[in-house]
Amino acid sequence: MSLLKLLEQAQGGQGLSQLASQFGLDENKAGELSGLLAPAIGSAAKERAAQGGLGDVLGALKGEGQGGLFDDAAQAAAPEGQAQGMAFLEQLMGGKQGPEGLAGEAASRTGVDMATIMKFLPALAAMLQGGMQKNMPDSSINAMMGGSGTGSSGGLGGLVSGLMGGGKSGGPDLGMLNGLLDADGDGSPLDDILGKFMK
């Protein structure tokens, strides 16, 4: 299941429309934005992992209390939820420039104003973070992070190899994370410009 499909299942299938209503967004526009942004967030997580930051990606998903952000659009859209979502994005993308650049591209492609997207994007990220956490309990994350060995086939090296499509021998099973980040190969049109915004 990809991140976009995960979002579509939030709150019994009503999560995206409820999130849209928090910002006065048309449901179709919210769907268009989500189709751009959710896969791009997954691609950013993969890229961060490839750069040696998989521990950061997994660490951001720890904390089982985050599930509420997936179950309640109002909680994700609240200032605290937006702050958490922005922190998640900045961790994935290496600072504030990444989320701002992504929002700018999304604004130019959808016609939604930048100010609205800069609120919607972190709320969307918070909801995704909560959904991924619900699918990956802390015990699973700890097992992934605690893989045996330190070489390319174990520990974080093995995780990165598995996540990026390399051999998995000796490394922990990354199928759960890899599936969430892009199960169907449904990349975003924004993927090709992600490199400009990531540090």
N, C-alpha and C. Protein backbone atom coordinates (compact mmCIF):
# COMPACT_ATOMS: atom_id res chain seq x y z
N MET A 1 0.84 -1.20 0.00
CA MET A 1 0.00 0.00 0.00
C MET A 1 0.88 1.25 0.00
N SER A 2 0.65 2.13 -0.97
CA SER A 2 1.44 3.34 -1.08
C SER A 2 0.94 4.40 -0.09
N LEU A 3 1.71 5.48 0.04
CA LEU A 3 1.30 6.55 0.95
C LEU A 3 -0.02 7.17 0.51
N LEU A 4 -0.22 7.32 -0.80
CA LEU A 4 -1.47 7.91 -1.27
C LEU A 4 -2.65 7.02 -0.92
N LYS A 5 -2.50 5.72 -1.09
CA LYS A 5 -3.59 4.79 -0.73
C LYS A 5 -3.80 4.78 0.78
N LEU A 6 -2.71 4.93 1.53
CA LEU A 6 -2.83 5.02 2.98
C LEU A 6 -3.69 6.23 3.35
N LEU A 7 -3.42 7.36 2.73
CA LEU A 7 -4.22 8.57 2.99
C LEU A 7 -5.68 8.36 2.65
N GLU A 8 -5.92 7.66 1.54
CA GLU A 8 -7.29 7.46 1.09
C GLU A 8 -8.08 6.58 2.06
N GLN A 9 -7.38 5.85 2.91
CA GLN A 9 -8.06 5.00 3.90
C GLN A 9 -8.26 5.70 5.23
N ALA A 10 -7.66 6.88 5.40
CA ALA A 10 -7.75 7.57 6.69
C ALA A 10 -9.19 7.88 7.04
N GLN A 11 -9.52 7.67 8.30
CA GLN A 11 -10.85 7.99 8.84
C GLN A 11 -11.97 7.40 7.99
N GLY A 12 -11.81 6.13 7.67
CA GLY A 12 -12.85 5.43 6.93
C GLY A 12 -13.07 5.97 5.52
N GLY A 13 -11.99 6.51 4.94
CA GLY A 13 -12.09 7.06 3.60
C GLY A 13 -12.47 8.53 3.56
N GLN A 14 -12.71 9.12 4.73
CA GLN A 14 -13.13 10.53 4.80
C GLN A 14 -12.00 11.47 5.19
N GLY A 15 -10.82 10.93 5.45
CA GLY A 15 -9.74 11.74 6.00
C GLY A 15 -9.33 12.91 5.12
N LEU A 16 -9.17 12.65 3.82
CA LEU A 16 -8.73 13.72 2.93
C LEU A 16 -9.78 14.83 2.80
N SER A 17 -11.04 14.44 2.69
CA SER A 17 -12.09 15.47 2.56
C SER A 17 -12.21 16.26 3.86
N GLN A 18 -12.02 15.57 5.00
CA GLN A 18 -12.08 16.29 6.28
C GLN A 18 -10.88 17.21 6.43
N LEU A 19 -9.71 16.78 5.95
CA LEU A 19 -8.54 17.64 6.01
C LEU A 19 -8.74 18.85 5.10
N ALA A 20 -9.30 18.62 3.91
CA ALA A 20 -9.56 19.72 2.98
C ALA A 20 -10.47 20.76 3.62
N SER A 21 -11.49 20.29 4.33
CA SER A 21 -12.46 21.22 4.92
C SER A 21 -11.81 22.09 6.00
N GLN A 22 -10.74 21.59 6.63
CA GLN A 22 -10.06 22.37 7.65
C GLN A 22 -9.42 23.62 7.07
N PHE A 23 -9.13 23.58 5.77
CA PHE A 23 -8.44 24.71 5.13
C PHE A 23 -9.28 25.37 4.05
N GLY A 24 -10.56 25.03 3.99
CA GLY A 24 -11.45 25.62 3.00
C GLY A 24 -11.09 25.22 1.57
N LEU A 25 -10.50 24.05 1.42
CA LEU A 25 -10.09 23.58 0.10
C LEU A 25 -11.19 22.76 -0.55
N ASP A 26 -11.37 22.94 -1.82
CA ASP A 26 -12.25 22.08 -2.60
C ASP A 26 -11.70 20.65 -2.55
N GLU A 27 -12.61 19.68 -2.40
CA GLU A 27 -12.18 18.29 -2.25
C GLU A 27 -11.37 17.81 -3.45
N ASN A 28 -11.76 18.25 -4.65
CA ASN A 28 -11.01 17.85 -5.84
C ASN A 28 -9.60 18.43 -5.84
N LYS A 29 -9.48 19.69 -5.41
CA LYS A 29 -8.15 20.31 -5.33
C LYS A 29 -7.30 19.61 -4.28
N ALA A 30 -7.93 19.24 -3.16
CA ALA A 30 -7.19 18.52 -2.11
C ALA A 30 -6.70 17.18 -2.64
N GLY A 31 -7.53 16.51 -3.45
CA GLY A 31 -7.12 15.25 -4.03
C GLY A 31 -5.98 15.43 -5.01
N GLU A 32 -6.04 16.51 -5.78
CA GLU A 32 -4.97 16.81 -6.74
C GLU A 32 -3.66 17.09 -6.00
N LEU A 33 -3.75 17.89 -4.94
CA LEU A 33 -2.56 18.19 -4.14
C LEU A 33 -1.98 16.93 -3.51
N SER A 34 -2.86 16.10 -2.97
CA SER A 34 -2.40 14.88 -2.30
C SER A 34 -1.72 13.95 -3.29
N GLY A 35 -2.25 13.90 -4.52
CA GLY A 35 -1.66 13.06 -5.55
C GLY A 35 -0.26 13.49 -5.93
N LEU A 36 0.03 14.79 -5.77
CA LEU A 36 1.37 15.30 -6.02
C LEU A 36 2.27 15.12 -4.80
N LEU A 37 1.73 15.48 -3.63
CA LEU A 37 2.57 15.62 -2.45
C LEU A 37 2.87 14.30 -1.74
N ALA A 38 1.87 13.41 -1.62
CA ALA A 38 2.11 12.17 -0.86
C ALA A 38 3.21 11.32 -1.49
N PRO A 39 3.16 11.04 -2.81
CA PRO A 39 4.26 10.27 -3.40
C PRO A 39 5.59 11.00 -3.33
N ALA A 40 5.56 12.34 -3.41
CA ALA A 40 6.80 13.10 -3.32
C ALA A 40 7.42 12.97 -1.94
N ILE A 41 6.57 12.93 -0.89
CA ILE A 41 7.09 12.73 0.47
C ILE A 41 7.73 11.34 0.57
N GLY A 42 7.09 10.33 -0.04
CA GLY A 42 7.68 8.99 -0.05
C GLY A 42 9.01 8.97 -0.76
N SER A 43 9.09 9.68 -1.88
CA SER A 43 10.35 9.74 -2.63
C SER A 43 11.43 10.46 -1.82
N ALA A 44 11.03 11.51 -1.10
CA ALA A 44 11.99 12.23 -0.26
C ALA A 44 12.53 11.31 0.84
N ALA A 45 11.66 10.48 1.41
CA ALA A 45 12.11 9.55 2.45
C ALA A 45 13.09 8.53 1.87
N LYS A 46 12.80 8.04 0.67
CA LYS A 46 13.73 7.11 0.02
C LYS A 46 15.08 7.77 -0.25
N GLU A 47 15.02 9.00 -0.72
CA GLU A 47 16.25 9.72 -1.04
C GLU A 47 17.07 9.97 0.23
N ARG A 48 16.39 10.33 1.31
CA ARG A 48 17.09 10.55 2.58
C ARG A 48 17.76 9.26 3.05
N ALA A 49 17.05 8.15 2.88
CA ALA A 49 17.62 6.85 3.25
C ALA A 49 18.86 6.54 2.41
N ALA A 50 18.77 6.83 1.12
CA ALA A 50 19.89 6.55 0.22
C ALA A 50 21.12 7.38 0.58
N GLN A 51 20.88 8.55 1.18
CA GLN A 51 21.97 9.43 1.57
C GLN A 51 22.54 9.08 2.95
N GLY A 52 22.07 7.97 3.50
CA GLY A 52 22.58 7.54 4.81
C GLY A 52 21.72 7.96 5.98
N GLY A 53 20.52 8.47 5.70
CA GLY A 53 19.67 8.96 6.78
C GLY A 53 18.50 8.06 7.10
N LEU A 54 18.61 6.76 6.82
CA LEU A 54 17.48 5.87 7.10
C LEU A 54 17.14 5.84 8.58
N GLY A 55 18.16 5.94 9.43
CA GLY A 55 17.90 5.97 10.87
C GLY A 55 17.02 7.15 11.24
N ASP A 56 17.24 8.28 10.57
CA ASP A 56 16.40 9.45 10.83
C ASP A 56 14.97 9.22 10.37
N VAL A 57 14.81 8.58 9.20
CA VAL A 57 13.47 8.30 8.68
C VAL A 57 12.72 7.39 9.65
N LEU A 58 13.38 6.31 10.05
CA LEU A 58 12.73 5.37 10.97
C LEU A 58 12.47 6.01 12.33
N GLY A 59 13.44 6.81 12.79
CA GLY A 59 13.27 7.46 14.09
C GLY A 59 12.08 8.40 14.10
N ALA A 60 11.80 9.04 12.95
CA ALA A 60 10.67 9.96 12.86
C ALA A 60 9.34 9.24 12.95
N LEU A 61 9.35 7.94 12.70
CA LEU A 61 8.10 7.17 12.74
C LEU A 61 7.85 6.53 14.09
N LYS A 62 8.81 6.68 15.00
CA LYS A 62 8.62 6.10 16.34
C LYS A 62 7.72 7.00 17.17
N GLY A 63 7.01 6.39 18.09
CA GLY A 63 6.12 7.15 18.97
C GLY A 63 4.67 6.83 18.66
N GLU A 64 4.15 5.83 19.33
CA GLU A 64 2.84 5.30 18.93
C GLU A 64 1.69 6.27 19.18
N GLY A 65 1.95 7.37 19.88
CA GLY A 65 0.92 8.36 20.08
C GLY A 65 0.60 9.15 18.82
N GLN A 66 1.44 9.01 17.80
CA GLN A 66 1.22 9.77 16.57
C GLN A 66 0.03 9.27 15.76
N GLY A 67 -0.47 8.09 16.09
CA GLY A 67 -1.58 7.53 15.34
C GLY A 67 -2.79 8.44 15.30
N GLY A 68 -2.97 9.27 16.32
CA GLY A 68 -4.10 10.19 16.36
C GLY A 68 -4.10 11.18 15.21
N LEU A 69 -2.92 11.49 14.69
CA LEU A 69 -2.83 12.43 13.56
C LEU A 69 -3.45 11.83 12.30
N PHE A 70 -3.45 10.51 12.22
CA PHE A 70 -4.05 9.80 11.08
C PHE A 70 -5.55 9.64 11.28
N ASP A 71 -5.95 9.48 12.53
CA ASP A 71 -7.35 9.18 12.84
C ASP A 71 -8.23 10.42 12.94
N ASP A 72 -7.61 11.59 13.04
CA ASP A 72 -8.39 12.81 13.29
C ASP A 72 -7.80 13.96 12.47
N ALA A 73 -8.50 14.35 11.40
CA ALA A 73 -8.00 15.41 10.52
C ALA A 73 -7.84 16.72 11.27
N ALA A 74 -8.73 16.99 12.22
CA ALA A 74 -8.64 18.24 12.98
C ALA A 74 -7.35 18.29 13.79
N GLN A 75 -6.93 17.13 14.31
CA GLN A 75 -5.69 17.07 15.07
C GLN A 75 -4.49 17.32 14.16
N ALA A 76 -4.52 16.76 12.95
CA ALA A 76 -3.42 16.97 12.00
C ALA A 76 -3.37 18.42 11.54
N ALA A 77 -4.54 19.06 11.42
CA ALA A 77 -4.61 20.44 10.92
C ALA A 77 -4.36 21.48 12.00
N ALA A 78 -4.43 21.07 13.27
CA ALA A 78 -4.19 22.00 14.37
C ALA A 78 -2.74 22.50 14.33
N PRO A 79 -2.45 23.64 14.96
CA PRO A 79 -1.08 24.16 14.94
C PRO A 79 -0.04 23.14 15.40
N GLU A 80 -0.39 22.34 16.42
CA GLU A 80 0.57 21.34 16.91
C GLU A 80 0.81 20.26 15.86
N GLY A 81 -0.28 19.85 15.17
CA GLY A 81 -0.13 18.84 14.13
C GLY A 81 0.68 19.37 12.96
N GLN A 82 0.40 20.62 12.57
CA GLN A 82 1.17 21.22 11.48
C GLN A 82 2.65 21.33 11.84
N ALA A 83 2.92 21.70 13.10
CA ALA A 83 4.32 21.83 13.54
C ALA A 83 5.02 20.49 13.48
N GLN A 84 4.32 19.43 13.89
CA GLN A 84 4.93 18.10 13.84
C GLN A 84 5.15 17.67 12.40
N GLY A 85 4.16 17.92 11.54
CA GLY A 85 4.31 17.56 10.14
C GLY A 85 5.46 18.31 9.48
N MET A 86 5.60 19.60 9.81
CA MET A 86 6.69 20.38 9.22
C MET A 86 8.04 19.87 9.71
N ALA A 87 8.12 19.50 10.98
CA ALA A 87 9.38 18.95 11.51
C ALA A 87 9.73 17.65 10.78
N PHE A 88 8.72 16.84 10.49
CA PHE A 88 8.91 15.58 9.76
C PHE A 88 9.45 15.88 8.36
N LEU A 89 8.83 16.85 7.68
CA LEU A 89 9.26 17.22 6.32
C LEU A 89 10.68 17.76 6.32
N GLU A 90 10.98 18.62 7.29
CA GLU A 90 12.31 19.21 7.35
C GLU A 90 13.37 18.14 7.63
N GLN A 91 12.99 17.13 8.42
CA GLN A 91 13.92 16.03 8.68
C GLN A 91 14.18 15.24 7.41
N LEU A 92 13.14 15.01 6.62
CA LEU A 92 13.29 14.25 5.38
C LEU A 92 14.05 15.05 4.33
N MET A 93 13.80 16.35 4.28
CA MET A 93 14.30 17.15 3.17
C MET A 93 15.50 18.02 3.51
N GLY A 94 15.94 18.00 4.78
CA GLY A 94 17.16 18.69 5.15
C GLY A 94 17.00 20.17 5.43
N GLY A 95 15.83 20.59 5.89
CA GLY A 95 15.63 21.99 6.24
C GLY A 95 14.35 22.56 5.68
N LYS A 96 14.13 23.85 5.93
CA LYS A 96 12.87 24.51 5.53
C LYS A 96 12.77 24.71 4.03
N GLN A 97 13.89 24.80 3.35
CA GLN A 97 13.87 25.09 1.91
C GLN A 97 13.11 23.99 1.14
N GLY A 98 13.26 22.74 1.59
CA GLY A 98 12.62 21.63 0.90
C GLY A 98 11.11 21.72 0.87
N PRO A 99 10.47 21.78 2.04
CA PRO A 99 9.00 21.89 2.04
C PRO A 99 8.50 23.13 1.31
N GLU A 100 9.21 24.25 1.45
CA GLU A 100 8.77 25.48 0.79
C GLU A 100 8.87 25.33 -0.74
N GLY A 101 9.95 24.70 -1.21
CA GLY A 101 10.10 24.48 -2.64
C GLY A 101 9.04 23.55 -3.18
N LEU A 102 8.75 22.50 -2.41
CA LEU A 102 7.73 21.53 -2.81
C LEU A 102 6.37 22.22 -2.88
N ALA A 103 6.08 23.05 -1.88
CA ALA A 103 4.81 23.77 -1.85
C ALA A 103 4.70 24.72 -3.04
N GLY A 104 5.79 25.40 -3.36
CA GLY A 104 5.79 26.32 -4.49
C GLY A 104 5.50 25.62 -5.81
N GLU A 105 6.13 24.46 -5.99
CA GLU A 105 5.88 23.68 -7.21
C GLU A 105 4.43 23.23 -7.26
N ALA A 106 3.91 22.76 -6.12
CA ALA A 106 2.52 22.29 -6.07
C ALA A 106 1.56 23.45 -6.37
N ALA A 107 1.89 24.64 -5.87
CA ALA A 107 1.05 25.81 -6.11
C ALA A 107 1.01 26.14 -7.60
N SER A 108 2.18 26.08 -8.24
CA SER A 108 2.22 26.43 -9.66
C SER A 108 1.50 25.39 -10.52
N ARG A 109 1.44 24.16 -10.05
CA ARG A 109 0.82 23.10 -10.85
C ARG A 109 -0.68 22.96 -10.60
N THR A 110 -1.15 23.44 -9.45
CA THR A 110 -2.56 23.25 -9.11
C THR A 110 -3.36 24.54 -9.08
N GLY A 111 -2.66 25.68 -8.98
CA GLY A 111 -3.37 26.96 -8.88
C GLY A 111 -3.84 27.30 -7.48
N VAL A 112 -3.55 26.43 -6.51
CA VAL A 112 -3.89 26.72 -5.11
C VAL A 112 -2.84 27.69 -4.57
N ASP A 113 -3.28 28.67 -3.76
CA ASP A 113 -2.33 29.68 -3.30
C ASP A 113 -1.32 29.08 -2.33
N MET A 114 -0.13 29.66 -2.37
CA MET A 114 1.01 29.15 -1.59
C MET A 114 0.71 29.13 -0.09
N ALA A 115 0.03 30.16 0.41
CA ALA A 115 -0.25 30.23 1.85
C ALA A 115 -1.08 29.02 2.31
N THR A 116 -2.07 28.65 1.49
CA THR A 116 -2.92 27.50 1.84
C THR A 116 -2.09 26.21 1.79
N ILE A 117 -1.27 26.06 0.76
CA ILE A 117 -0.48 24.83 0.65
C ILE A 117 0.52 24.72 1.80
N MET A 118 1.06 25.85 2.26
CA MET A 118 2.02 25.80 3.36
C MET A 118 1.37 25.40 4.68
N LYS A 119 0.04 25.41 4.74
CA LYS A 119 -0.68 24.86 5.89
C LYS A 119 -1.11 23.42 5.62
N PHE A 120 -1.57 23.19 4.38
CA PHE A 120 -2.07 21.86 4.02
C PHE A 120 -0.94 20.83 3.98
N LEU A 121 0.22 21.20 3.43
CA LEU A 121 1.33 20.25 3.28
C LEU A 121 1.79 19.67 4.62
N PRO A 122 2.08 20.51 5.64
CA PRO A 122 2.50 19.91 6.92
C PRO A 122 1.40 19.09 7.60
N ALA A 123 0.13 19.51 7.42
CA ALA A 123 -0.97 18.72 7.99
C ALA A 123 -1.06 17.37 7.30
N LEU A 124 -0.88 17.37 5.98
CA LEU A 124 -0.87 16.13 5.22
C LEU A 124 0.29 15.24 5.67
N ALA A 125 1.46 15.85 5.87
CA ALA A 125 2.63 15.10 6.32
C ALA A 125 2.40 14.51 7.72
N ALA A 126 1.74 15.28 8.58
CA ALA A 126 1.45 14.78 9.92
C ALA A 126 0.51 13.57 9.86
N MET A 127 -0.50 13.66 8.99
CA MET A 127 -1.43 12.55 8.83
C MET A 127 -0.70 11.31 8.29
N LEU A 128 0.19 11.54 7.32
CA LEU A 128 0.98 10.43 6.78
C LEU A 128 1.89 9.83 7.85
N GLN A 129 2.53 10.69 8.62
CA GLN A 129 3.42 10.21 9.68
C GLN A 129 2.65 9.33 10.65
N GLY A 130 1.45 9.77 11.03
CA GLY A 130 0.63 8.98 11.94
C GLY A 130 0.19 7.66 11.32
N GLY A 131 -0.17 7.70 10.03
CA GLY A 131 -0.59 6.48 9.34
C GLY A 131 0.54 5.48 9.20
N MET A 132 1.73 5.96 8.86
CA MET A 132 2.88 5.07 8.74
C MET A 132 3.21 4.46 10.10
N GLN A 133 3.10 5.28 11.15
CA GLN A 133 3.39 4.77 12.49
C GLN A 133 2.41 3.66 12.86
N LYS A 134 1.14 3.85 12.50
CA LYS A 134 0.14 2.82 12.82
C LYS A 134 0.44 1.51 12.10
N ASN A 135 1.04 1.62 10.91
CA ASN A 135 1.38 0.43 10.15
C ASN A 135 2.73 -0.15 10.56
N MET A 136 3.51 0.61 11.30
CA MET A 136 4.84 0.18 11.72
C MET A 136 5.02 0.47 13.21
N PRO A 137 4.55 -0.42 14.06
CA PRO A 137 4.69 -0.19 15.50
C PRO A 137 6.15 -0.04 15.90
N ASP A 138 6.36 0.59 17.06
CA ASP A 138 7.72 0.83 17.53
C ASP A 138 8.56 -0.44 17.57
N SER A 139 7.92 -1.56 17.92
CA SER A 139 8.67 -2.82 18.00
C SER A 139 9.24 -3.20 16.65
N SER A 140 8.47 -2.96 15.57
CA SER A 140 8.96 -3.26 14.23
C SER A 140 10.10 -2.33 13.83
N ILE A 141 9.95 -1.05 14.19
CA ILE A 141 11.00 -0.07 13.86
C ILE A 141 12.28 -0.40 14.61
N ASN A 142 12.14 -0.75 15.89
CA ASN A 142 13.33 -1.12 16.68
C ASN A 142 14.03 -2.32 16.07
N ALA A 143 13.23 -3.28 15.57
CA ALA A 143 13.83 -4.47 14.96
C ALA A 143 14.58 -4.10 13.69
N MET A 144 14.01 -3.18 12.90
CA MET A 144 14.68 -2.73 11.68
C MET A 144 15.98 -2.01 12.00
N MET A 145 15.93 -1.14 13.01
CA MET A 145 17.10 -0.34 13.34
C MET A 145 18.17 -1.16 14.04
N GLY A 146 17.75 -2.27 14.62
CA GLY A 146 18.70 -3.08 15.38
C GLY A 146 19.20 -4.29 14.63
N GLY A 147 19.12 -4.26 13.29
CA GLY A 147 19.58 -5.39 12.49
C GLY A 147 21.02 -5.74 12.78
N SER A 148 21.36 -6.99 12.70
CA SER A 148 22.70 -7.43 13.05
C SER A 148 23.70 -6.98 12.02
N GLY A 149 24.90 -6.69 12.49
CA GLY A 149 26.00 -6.37 11.59
C GLY A 149 26.02 -4.91 11.21
N THR A 150 27.13 -4.48 10.64
CA THR A 150 27.28 -3.08 10.27
C THR A 150 27.66 -2.94 8.80
N GLY A 151 27.86 -4.02 8.12
CA GLY A 151 28.26 -3.96 6.71
C GLY A 151 27.09 -3.73 5.81
N SER A 152 27.32 -3.88 4.52
CA SER A 152 26.28 -3.55 3.55
C SER A 152 25.12 -4.52 3.61
N SER A 153 25.29 -5.68 4.24
CA SER A 153 24.19 -6.65 4.26
C SER A 153 23.54 -6.74 5.64
N GLY A 154 23.92 -5.86 6.57
CA GLY A 154 23.33 -5.90 7.90
C GLY A 154 23.16 -4.51 8.46
N GLY A 155 22.43 -4.39 9.57
CA GLY A 155 22.22 -3.10 10.19
C GLY A 155 21.60 -2.11 9.23
N LEU A 156 21.93 -0.84 9.42
CA LEU A 156 21.35 0.19 8.56
C LEU A 156 21.80 0.03 7.12
N GLY A 157 23.01 -0.48 6.92
CA GLY A 157 23.46 -0.72 5.56
C GLY A 157 22.54 -1.68 4.83
N GLY A 158 22.14 -2.74 5.53
CA GLY A 158 21.22 -3.70 4.94
C GLY A 158 19.85 -3.11 4.70
N LEU A 159 19.43 -2.22 5.60
CA LEU A 159 18.15 -1.56 5.44
C LEU A 159 18.14 -0.70 4.17
N VAL A 160 19.19 0.07 4.01
CA VAL A 160 19.26 0.94 2.83
C VAL A 160 19.28 0.10 1.56
N SER A 161 20.07 -0.98 1.58
CA SER A 161 20.15 -1.85 0.42
C SER A 161 18.78 -2.41 0.08
N GLY A 162 18.04 -2.86 1.10
CA GLY A 162 16.71 -3.40 0.87
C GLY A 162 15.75 -2.36 0.38
N LEU A 163 15.83 -1.16 0.96
CA LEU A 163 14.90 -0.09 0.60
C LEU A 163 15.12 0.36 -0.83
N MET A 164 16.37 0.40 -1.25
CA MET A 164 16.68 0.89 -2.58
C MET A 164 16.63 -0.22 -3.63
N GLY A 165 16.20 -1.42 -3.23
CA GLY A 165 16.02 -2.49 -4.20
C GLY A 165 17.20 -3.41 -4.32
N GLY A 166 18.18 -3.27 -3.43
CA GLY A 166 19.34 -4.16 -3.46
C GLY A 166 19.06 -5.47 -2.77
N GLY A 167 20.09 -6.28 -2.62
CA GLY A 167 19.93 -7.57 -1.96
C GLY A 167 19.60 -7.42 -0.50
N LYS A 168 18.83 -8.37 0.02
CA LYS A 168 18.39 -8.26 1.41
C LYS A 168 19.06 -9.30 2.30
N SER A 169 19.96 -10.08 1.75
CA SER A 169 20.52 -11.18 2.54
C SER A 169 21.22 -10.65 3.78
N GLY A 170 20.81 -11.18 4.91
CA GLY A 170 21.43 -10.80 6.16
C GLY A 170 20.85 -9.55 6.78
N GLY A 171 20.11 -8.76 6.04
CA GLY A 171 19.54 -7.53 6.58
C GLY A 171 18.09 -7.76 7.00
N PRO A 172 17.57 -6.88 7.83
CA PRO A 172 16.17 -7.01 8.25
C PRO A 172 15.22 -6.77 7.09
N ASP A 173 14.01 -7.26 7.25
CA ASP A 173 13.01 -7.13 6.18
C ASP A 173 12.48 -5.71 6.12
N LEU A 174 12.66 -5.08 4.99
CA LEU A 174 12.22 -3.70 4.81
C LEU A 174 10.92 -3.61 4.04
N GLY A 175 10.30 -4.76 3.77
CA GLY A 175 9.13 -4.77 2.91
C GLY A 175 8.04 -3.83 3.38
N MET A 176 7.84 -3.75 4.69
CA MET A 176 6.78 -2.92 5.24
C MET A 176 7.01 -1.45 4.91
N LEU A 177 8.25 -0.98 5.13
CA LEU A 177 8.57 0.42 4.87
C LEU A 177 8.59 0.69 3.36
N ASN A 178 9.22 -0.21 2.62
CA ASN A 178 9.34 -0.02 1.18
C ASN A 178 7.95 0.04 0.54
N GLY A 179 7.04 -0.82 1.01
CA GLY A 179 5.68 -0.83 0.48
C GLY A 179 4.96 0.47 0.74
N LEU A 180 5.15 1.02 1.93
CA LEU A 180 4.49 2.27 2.26
C LEU A 180 5.03 3.43 1.44
N LEU A 181 6.33 3.41 1.19
CA LEU A 181 6.93 4.55 0.50
C LEU A 181 6.56 4.59 -0.98
N ASP A 182 6.37 3.45 -1.59
CA ASP A 182 5.97 3.46 -3.00
C ASP A 182 5.67 2.04 -3.48
N ALA A 183 4.57 1.50 -3.02
CA ALA A 183 4.26 0.11 -3.34
C ALA A 183 3.99 -0.10 -4.82
N ASP A 184 3.36 0.87 -5.44
CA ASP A 184 2.89 0.66 -6.81
C ASP A 184 3.72 1.39 -7.85
N GLY A 185 4.84 1.95 -7.42
CA GLY A 185 5.63 2.74 -8.36
C GLY A 185 4.91 3.99 -8.80
N ASP A 186 3.93 4.44 -7.99
CA ASP A 186 3.12 5.59 -8.40
C ASP A 186 3.82 6.88 -7.96
N GLY A 187 4.94 7.15 -8.60
CA GLY A 187 5.70 8.35 -8.25
C GLY A 187 4.92 9.61 -8.56
N SER A 188 5.40 10.72 -8.04
CA SER A 188 4.76 12.00 -8.25
C SER A 188 5.42 12.75 -9.39
N PRO A 189 4.66 13.57 -10.12
CA PRO A 189 5.29 14.45 -11.10
C PRO A 189 6.31 15.39 -10.46
N LEU A 190 6.23 15.56 -9.15
CA LEU A 190 7.18 16.42 -8.47
C LEU A 190 8.51 15.72 -8.21
N ASP A 191 8.56 14.39 -8.42
CA ASP A 191 9.78 13.66 -8.12
C ASP A 191 10.99 14.22 -8.86
N ASP A 192 10.75 14.67 -10.09
CA ASP A 192 11.89 15.09 -10.91
C ASP A 192 12.51 16.41 -10.42
N ILE A 193 11.80 17.14 -9.55
CA ILE A 193 12.37 18.38 -9.05
C ILE A 193 12.74 18.29 -7.57
N LEU A 194 12.54 17.13 -6.96
CA LEU A 194 12.86 16.98 -5.54
C LEU A 194 14.32 17.29 -5.26
N GLY A 195 15.20 16.88 -6.15
CA GLY A 195 16.63 17.07 -5.92
C GLY A 195 17.01 18.52 -5.72
N LYS A 196 16.24 19.44 -6.29
CA LYS A 196 16.54 20.86 -6.14
C LYS A 196 16.32 21.34 -4.71
N PHE A 197 15.40 20.64 -4.03
CA PHE A 197 14.97 21.15 -2.72
C PHE A 197 15.55 20.39 -1.55
N MET A 198 16.19 19.27 -1.80
CA MET A 198 16.69 18.46 -0.69
C MET A 198 18.16 18.77 -0.42
N LYS A 199 18.51 18.80 0.86
CA LYS A 199 19.91 19.00 1.26
C LYS A 199 20.43 17.75 1.92
